[in-house]
Amino acid sequence: MPCDPPHHRDAKGTLIHTDEYDIYARLENWGYGHKTVCHAHGEYARDDDGFCEVNSIEGFWSLLRSWLRPHRGIAQEKLPAYLGFFQFIHNARQRGKALLGALIAALVT
């Protein structure tokens, strides 16, 4: 039986940026887009569309752990809500006003 990741109704097709660590190789099989940076060649970020897609998953998880630490544990069924909220805050901080336009467009359509 294959090991599948937890699914969120909107997660399929999400583009994920990582380094070349083997554990990420199955992302495309699970339906995610996947781009990598090669640390061995000194590559740590790529700017393909005006936003710097940094291999920041490690940083994201580190910030999330720090943000959740005061809660001293959360119920597993509430984790998707916490992750979604943290993701929104993180993206808003990273993309600023550009995120607002995308959010309004998504709400209107």
Protein backbone atom coordinates (compact mmCIF):
# COMPACT_ATOMS: atom_id res chain seq x y z
CA MET A 1 0.00 0.00 0.00
CA PRO A 2 1.61 3.31 -1.06
CA CYS A 3 2.24 5.98 1.51
CA ASP A 4 0.27 9.06 0.46
CA PRO A 5 0.52 12.47 2.12
CA PRO A 6 -2.44 14.00 3.91
CA HIS A 7 -4.68 15.65 1.33
CA HIS A 8 -6.26 19.06 1.38
CA ARG A 9 -9.01 19.73 -1.12
CA ASP A 10 -7.00 22.50 -2.82
CA ALA A 11 -3.52 21.02 -2.55
CA LYS A 12 -3.33 19.14 -5.86
CA GLY A 13 -1.36 21.06 -8.45
CA THR A 14 0.39 23.22 -5.85
CA LEU A 15 3.92 24.09 -6.95
CA ILE A 16 6.46 23.19 -4.28
CA HIS A 17 10.05 24.48 -4.29
CA THR A 18 12.66 22.34 -2.52
CA ASP A 19 16.28 21.34 -2.70
CA GLU A 20 17.27 18.07 -4.40
CA TYR A 21 16.89 15.87 -1.32
CA ASP A 22 15.51 12.46 -2.42
CA ILE A 23 12.55 12.54 -0.04
CA TYR A 24 10.89 15.17 -2.26
CA ALA A 25 11.08 13.01 -5.42
CA ARG A 26 7.57 11.60 -4.94
CA LEU A 27 5.84 14.99 -4.87
CA GLU A 28 5.04 14.87 -8.60
CA ASN A 29 3.59 11.34 -8.23
CA TRP A 30 1.25 12.76 -5.60
CA GLY A 31 0.00 15.46 -7.98
CA TYR A 32 2.12 18.44 -6.94
CA GLY A 33 4.30 20.58 -9.16
CA HIS A 34 7.93 20.43 -8.09
CA LYS A 35 10.93 22.64 -8.78
CA THR A 36 14.32 22.29 -7.17
CA VAL A 37 17.40 24.34 -6.43
CA CYS A 38 20.84 22.72 -6.32
CA HIS A 39 22.74 23.67 -3.18
CA ALA A 40 25.83 21.81 -4.49
CA HIS A 41 26.05 24.40 -7.29
CA GLY A 42 25.52 27.31 -4.90
CA GLU A 43 21.88 27.78 -5.89
CA TYR A 44 19.55 28.68 -3.03
CA ALA A 45 16.83 30.71 -4.76
CA ARG A 46 15.33 31.26 -8.19
CA ASP A 47 13.30 34.18 -9.50
CA ASP A 48 11.20 33.00 -12.46
CA ASP A 49 8.20 35.34 -12.11
CA GLY A 50 9.19 38.44 -10.16
CA PHE A 51 8.91 36.71 -6.77
CA CYS A 52 11.96 35.00 -5.36
CA GLU A 53 11.08 31.33 -4.96
CA VAL A 54 13.44 30.40 -2.19
CA ASN A 55 13.99 26.90 -0.94
CA SER A 56 12.32 28.02 2.22
CA ILE A 57 10.40 24.96 3.38
CA GLU A 58 12.94 24.45 6.16
CA GLY A 59 12.53 28.08 7.20
CA PHE A 60 8.74 27.83 6.94
CA TRP A 61 8.62 24.78 9.25
CA SER A 62 11.02 26.45 11.66
CA LEU A 63 8.80 29.55 11.85
CA LEU A 64 5.70 27.37 12.20
CA ARG A 65 7.20 25.43 15.12
CA SER A 66 8.08 28.69 16.85
CA TRP A 67 4.57 30.04 16.23
CA LEU A 68 2.90 26.88 17.57
CA ARG A 69 5.21 26.42 20.58
CA PRO A 70 3.13 28.61 22.97
CA HIS A 71 0.08 26.42 22.26
CA ARG A 72 1.90 23.38 23.73
CA GLY A 73 0.25 21.03 21.28
CA ILE A 74 -2.88 21.20 19.18
CA ALA A 75 -5.50 18.62 18.25
CA GLN A 76 -4.67 16.74 15.04
CA GLU A 77 -8.04 17.58 13.47
CA LYS A 78 -7.34 21.30 13.96
CA LEU A 79 -3.85 21.18 12.42
CA PRO A 80 -5.07 21.96 8.84
CA ALA A 81 -6.75 25.15 10.10
CA TYR A 82 -3.61 26.25 11.94
CA LEU A 83 -1.46 25.46 8.89
CA GLY A 84 -3.80 27.33 6.56
CA PHE A 85 -3.83 30.41 8.75
CA PHE A 86 -0.06 30.36 9.17
CA GLN A 87 0.41 29.88 5.42
CA PHE A 88 -1.81 32.89 4.71
CA ILE A 89 0.10 35.08 7.19
CA HIS A 90 3.46 33.88 5.83
CA ASN A 91 2.45 34.57 2.21
CA ALA A 92 1.00 37.97 3.07
CA ARG A 93 4.26 38.91 4.77
CA GLN A 94 6.34 37.64 1.83
CA ARG A 95 4.30 39.10 -1.03
CA GLY A 96 2.72 42.12 0.61
CA LYS A 97 0.38 44.11 -1.64
CA ALA A 98 0.74 41.65 -4.53
CA LEU A 99 -1.07 39.03 -2.44
CA LEU A 100 -3.99 41.38 -1.80
CA GLY A 101 -4.79 41.61 -5.52
CA ALA A 102 -4.73 37.82 -5.87
CA LEU A 103 -6.94 37.41 -2.81
CA ILE A 104 -9.53 39.91 -4.10
CA ALA A 105 -9.51 38.24 -7.52
CA ALA A 106 -10.10 34.84 -5.91
CA LEU A 107 -12.98 36.20 -3.82
CA VAL A 108 -14.68 37.84 -6.81
CA THR A 109 -14.54 34.78 -9.09
